[in-house]
Each structure stands twice: as C-alpha cells, then as structure tokens.
C-alpha cells in the first residue's frame, strides 16, 4: 500500500435534471461524466441556473463539504458536455485553462469550437426547413 492518502471511488450514475427551460441528462461511462442536453438554449438555461443551484446545494451540504475536505477527496473525473450528441466542451481535471475556463473562474474547461459550429449549423438547417 502506498502512503498516498488519496483513494479512488468510482461512482456510476444516471441522472436527469429538469427546470422549466432546461433538461440535462447526466451519466457516467469509462471514468467520464457526460452532460447531455438537446440544444444550446437548454445548455444556456442550465448555466443560468447555476447560482440558485449552488446556493441551495451549499445550504444542504455545508456540513458535508467540511467532511469531504477532511478526507482529501478531489474531483478528478473528466467531464464531456454534449449538445444533441455533439461534444461542445470538456473539463479535464489536470488540463490547462482555456478562454472558457478563465470565464468560469480558472477551471480547466475547454470549448470545442468545431462542435459548437456543428450544433449551430444543425440549428440553422432546422430553422430553414421549418420556414419552407
């Protein structure tokens, strides 16, 4: 056994978060957390909810946070954010901080411009089909 106090806990989960404006499906596979939403509007709406969710979660788990910090638990799982099945952003625990990461407070989050463009083109095509 090593002297490293950090231990690995693997959690598999499937969770759906819904509000009036957004739906996020969260799942895990192969050591990665996936956040899926149907469109960019849902992703933006979910992002806007973050402050109220953070405030609520802080009240609910304030004692738990102290317990987690005391056990040296670190969030070291990569996260992939997908819109309509297309990757638009990625969180890499030990990655470098890109422009999106700086916007989010120095976290190692990177946007995928090609993925965002693909989603935007899909949305534009769908809008054009609706007009016909």
C-alpha atoms as a PDB file:
ATOM      1  CA  UNK A   1       0.000   0.000   0.000  1.00  0.00           C
ATOM      2  CA  UNK A   2       1.256   3.486  -0.768  1.00  0.00           C
ATOM      3  CA  UNK A   3       1.498   6.391   1.647  1.00  0.00           C
ATOM      4  CA  UNK A   4      -0.784   8.478  -0.597  1.00  0.00           C
ATOM      5  CA  UNK A   5      -3.898   9.391   1.450  1.00  0.00           C
ATOM      6  CA  UNK A   6      -5.979   9.815  -1.732  1.00  0.00           C
ATOM      7  CA  UNK A   7      -8.230   6.897  -2.555  1.00  0.00           C
ATOM      8  CA  UNK A   8     -10.273   6.263  -5.648  1.00  0.00           C
ATOM      9  CA  UNK A   9     -14.051   5.961  -5.507  1.00  0.00           C
ATOM     10  CA  UNK A  10     -15.811   5.099  -8.738  1.00  0.00           C
ATOM     11  CA  UNK A  11     -19.468   6.044  -8.918  1.00  0.00           C
ATOM     12  CA  UNK A  12     -21.760   5.116 -11.789  1.00  0.00           C
ATOM     13  CA  UNK A  13     -24.827   7.276 -12.196  1.00  0.00           C
ATOM     14  CA  UNK A  14     -27.647   8.315 -14.462  1.00  0.00           C
ATOM     15  CA  UNK A  15     -29.492  11.466 -13.518  1.00  0.00           C
ATOM     16  CA  UNK A  16     -31.877  13.869 -15.212  1.00  0.00           C
ATOM     17  CA  UNK A  17     -32.115  17.493 -14.102  1.00  0.00           C
ATOM     18  CA  UNK A  18     -35.095  19.478 -15.333  1.00  0.00           C
ATOM     19  CA  UNK A  19     -36.295  23.032 -14.988  1.00  0.00           C
ATOM     20  CA  UNK A  20     -38.905  24.983 -16.925  1.00  0.00           C
ATOM     21  CA  UNK A  21     -36.279  25.924 -19.520  1.00  0.00           C
ATOM     22  CA  UNK A  22     -33.737  23.117 -19.499  1.00  0.00           C
ATOM     23  CA  UNK A  23     -33.176  19.410 -19.258  1.00  0.00           C
ATOM     24  CA  UNK A  24     -29.777  17.875 -18.629  1.00  0.00           C
ATOM     25  CA  UNK A  25     -29.108  14.156 -18.739  1.00  0.00           C
ATOM     26  CA  UNK A  26     -26.049  13.212 -16.702  1.00  0.00           C
ATOM     27  CA  UNK A  27     -24.394   9.826 -16.924  1.00  0.00           C
ATOM     28  CA  UNK A  28     -21.052   8.151 -16.357  1.00  0.00           C
ATOM     29  CA  UNK A  29     -19.114   5.740 -18.522  1.00  0.00           C
ATOM     30  CA  UNK A  30     -15.492   4.635 -18.606  1.00  0.00           C
ATOM     31  CA  UNK A  31     -14.449   7.071 -15.899  1.00  0.00           C
ATOM     32  CA  UNK A  32     -16.014  10.107 -17.592  1.00  0.00           C
ATOM     33  CA  UNK A  33     -19.033  12.178 -16.598  1.00  0.00           C
ATOM     34  CA  UNK A  34     -21.269  13.074 -19.561  1.00  0.00           C
ATOM     35  CA  UNK A  35     -23.660  16.025 -19.522  1.00  0.00           C
ATOM     36  CA  UNK A  36     -26.124  15.920 -22.416  1.00  0.00           C
ATOM     37  CA  UNK A  37     -28.764  18.405 -23.497  1.00  0.00           C
ATOM     38  CA  UNK A  38     -30.964  18.687 -26.554  1.00  0.00           C
ATOM     39  CA  UNK A  39     -29.937  22.156 -27.712  1.00  0.00           C
ATOM     40  CA  UNK A  40     -27.802  25.192 -26.929  1.00  0.00           C
ATOM     41  CA  UNK A  41     -30.778  27.008 -25.391  1.00  0.00           C
ATOM     42  CA  UNK A  42     -31.083  24.268 -22.760  1.00  0.00           C
ATOM     43  CA  UNK A  43     -27.369  24.451 -22.042  1.00  0.00           C
ATOM     44  CA  UNK A  44     -27.514  28.241 -21.596  1.00  0.00           C
ATOM     45  CA  UNK A  45     -30.630  27.968 -19.399  1.00  0.00           C
ATOM     46  CA  UNK A  46     -28.920  25.356 -17.221  1.00  0.00           C
ATOM     47  CA  UNK A  47     -25.835  27.563 -16.935  1.00  0.00           C
ATOM     48  CA  UNK A  48     -28.034  30.448 -15.770  1.00  0.00           C
ATOM     49  CA  UNK A  49     -29.472  28.223 -13.020  1.00  0.00           C
ATOM     50  CA  UNK A  50     -26.034  27.552 -11.530  1.00  0.00           C
ATOM     51  CA  UNK A  51     -26.189  30.283  -8.887  1.00  0.00           C
ATOM     52  CA  UNK A  52     -29.508  29.170  -7.413  1.00  0.00           C
ATOM     53  CA  UNK A  53     -28.391  25.532  -7.550  1.00  0.00           C
ATOM     54  CA  UNK A  54     -25.097  26.412  -5.856  1.00  0.00           C
ATOM     55  CA  UNK A  55     -26.888  28.377  -3.130  1.00  0.00           C
ATOM     56  CA  UNK A  56     -29.297  25.511  -2.466  1.00  0.00           C
ATOM     57  CA  UNK A  57     -26.595  22.868  -2.510  1.00  0.00           C
ATOM     58  CA  UNK A  58     -24.412  24.937  -0.171  1.00  0.00           C
ATOM     59  CA  UNK A  59     -27.219  25.046   2.386  1.00  0.00           C
ATOM     60  CA  UNK A  60     -27.922  21.342   2.030  1.00  0.00           C
ATOM     61  CA  UNK A  61     -24.376  20.056   2.202  1.00  0.00           C
ATOM     62  CA  UNK A  62     -22.438  22.678   4.163  1.00  0.00           C
ATOM     63  CA  UNK A  63     -21.550  20.146   6.851  1.00  0.00           C
ATOM     64  CA  UNK A  64     -20.795  17.541   4.204  1.00  0.00           C
ATOM     65  CA  UNK A  65     -18.307  19.833   2.472  1.00  0.00           C
ATOM     66  CA  UNK A  66     -16.229  20.027   5.633  1.00  0.00           C
ATOM     67  CA  UNK A  67     -16.284  16.241   5.855  1.00  0.00           C
ATOM     68  CA  UNK A  68     -15.235  15.874   2.202  1.00  0.00           C
ATOM     69  CA  UNK A  69     -12.373  18.350   2.592  1.00  0.00           C
ATOM     70  CA  UNK A  70     -11.157  16.471   5.664  1.00  0.00           C
ATOM     71  CA  UNK A  71     -10.891  13.236   3.642  1.00  0.00           C
ATOM     72  CA  UNK A  72      -8.746  14.661   0.796  1.00  0.00           C
ATOM     73  CA  UNK A  73     -11.378  13.927  -1.860  1.00  0.00           C
ATOM     74  CA  UNK A  74     -10.578  15.591  -5.164  1.00  0.00           C
ATOM     75  CA  UNK A  75     -12.816  15.806  -8.235  1.00  0.00           C
ATOM     76  CA  UNK A  76     -10.554  14.176 -10.794  1.00  0.00           C
ATOM     77  CA  UNK A  77     -13.075  12.947 -13.331  1.00  0.00           C
ATOM     78  CA  UNK A  78     -13.146  14.330 -16.860  1.00  0.00           C
ATOM     79  CA  UNK A  79     -16.468  15.827 -17.950  1.00  0.00           C
ATOM     80  CA  UNK A  80     -17.783  15.965 -21.516  1.00  0.00           C
ATOM     81  CA  UNK A  81     -20.625  18.355 -22.347  1.00  0.00           C
ATOM     82  CA  UNK A  82     -22.658  17.384 -25.401  1.00  0.00           C
ATOM     83  CA  UNK A  83     -25.469  19.148 -27.229  1.00  0.00           C
ATOM     84  CA  UNK A  84     -27.598  16.921 -29.450  1.00  0.00           C
ATOM     85  CA  UNK A  85     -24.865  14.267 -29.183  1.00  0.00           C
ATOM     86  CA  UNK A  86     -22.051  16.614 -30.268  1.00  0.00           C
ATOM     87  CA  UNK A  87     -19.225  17.484 -27.864  1.00  0.00           C
ATOM     88  CA  UNK A  88     -19.151  21.243 -27.220  1.00  0.00           C
ATOM     89  CA  UNK A  89     -16.956  21.428 -24.105  1.00  0.00           C
ATOM     90  CA  UNK A  90     -14.686  19.331 -21.919  1.00  0.00           C
ATOM     91  CA  UNK A  91     -13.401  19.594 -18.374  1.00  0.00           C
ATOM     92  CA  UNK A  92     -10.033  17.949 -17.808  1.00  0.00           C
ATOM     93  CA  UNK A  93      -9.049  17.889 -14.128  1.00  0.00           C
ATOM     94  CA  UNK A  94      -5.357  18.328 -14.841  1.00  0.00           C
ATOM     95  CA  UNK A  95      -5.743  20.249 -18.092  1.00  0.00           C
ATOM     96  CA  UNK A  96      -4.752  23.763 -18.968  1.00  0.00           C
ATOM     97  CA  UNK A  97      -7.159  26.659 -18.576  1.00  0.00           C
ATOM     98  CA  UNK A  98      -8.510  27.970 -21.870  1.00  0.00           C
ATOM     99  CA  UNK A  99     -10.662  31.051 -22.567  1.00  0.00           C
ATOM    100  CA  UNK A 100     -13.864  29.310 -21.416  1.00  0.00           C
ATOM    101  CA  UNK A 101     -12.096  28.134 -18.269  1.00  0.00           C
ATOM    102  CA  UNK A 102     -10.981  31.674 -17.458  1.00  0.00           C
ATOM    103  CA  UNK A 103     -14.583  32.829 -17.903  1.00  0.00           C
ATOM    104  CA  UNK A 104     -15.675  30.102 -15.468  1.00  0.00           C
ATOM    105  CA  UNK A 105     -13.222  31.144 -12.774  1.00  0.00           C
ATOM    106  CA  UNK A 106      -9.959  29.492 -13.758  1.00  0.00           C
ATOM    107  CA  UNK A 107     -11.219  25.954 -14.191  1.00  0.00           C
ATOM    108  CA  UNK A 108      -9.621  23.697 -16.827  1.00  0.00           C
ATOM    109  CA  UNK A 109     -12.613  23.832 -19.188  1.00  0.00           C
ATOM    110  CA  UNK A 110     -12.135  23.908 -22.935  1.00  0.00           C
ATOM    111  CA  UNK A 111     -14.787  24.598 -25.507  1.00  0.00           C
ATOM    112  CA  UNK A 112     -14.861  22.642 -28.749  1.00  0.00           C
ATOM    113  CA  UNK A 113     -15.399  25.315 -31.436  1.00  0.00           C
ATOM    114  CA  UNK A 114     -15.949  22.719 -34.163  1.00  0.00           C
ATOM    115  CA  UNK A 115     -18.639  21.038 -32.049  1.00  0.00           C
ATOM    116  CA  UNK A 116     -20.333  24.349 -31.302  1.00  0.00           C
ATOM    117  CA  UNK A 117     -20.267  25.169 -35.035  1.00  0.00           C
ATOM    118  CA  UNK A 118     -21.796  21.777 -35.897  1.00  0.00           C
ATOM    119  CA  UNK A 119     -24.625  22.362 -33.416  1.00  0.00           C
ATOM    120  CA  UNK A 120     -25.206  25.889 -34.764  1.00  0.00           C
ATOM    121  CA  UNK A 121     -25.335  24.623 -38.370  1.00  0.00           C
ATOM    122  CA  UNK A 122     -27.834  21.908 -37.374  1.00  0.00           C
ATOM    123  CA  UNK A 123     -29.998  24.525 -35.680  1.00  0.00           C
ATOM    124  CA  UNK A 124     -29.829  26.821 -38.710  1.00  0.00           C
ATOM    125  CA  UNK A 125     -30.771  23.975 -41.071  1.00  0.00           C
ATOM    126  CA  UNK A 126     -33.716  23.017 -38.862  1.00  0.00           C
ATOM    127  CA  UNK A 127     -34.920  26.635 -38.813  1.00  0.00           C
ATOM    128  CA  UNK A 128     -34.667  26.845 -42.590  1.00  0.00           C
ATOM    129  CA  UNK A 129     -36.634  23.595 -43.003  1.00  0.00           C
ATOM    130  CA  UNK A 130     -39.377  24.976 -40.745  1.00  0.00           C
ATOM    131  CA  UNK A 131     -39.696  28.089 -42.908  1.00  0.00           C
ATOM    132  CA  UNK A 132     -40.370  26.056 -46.047  1.00  0.00           C
END
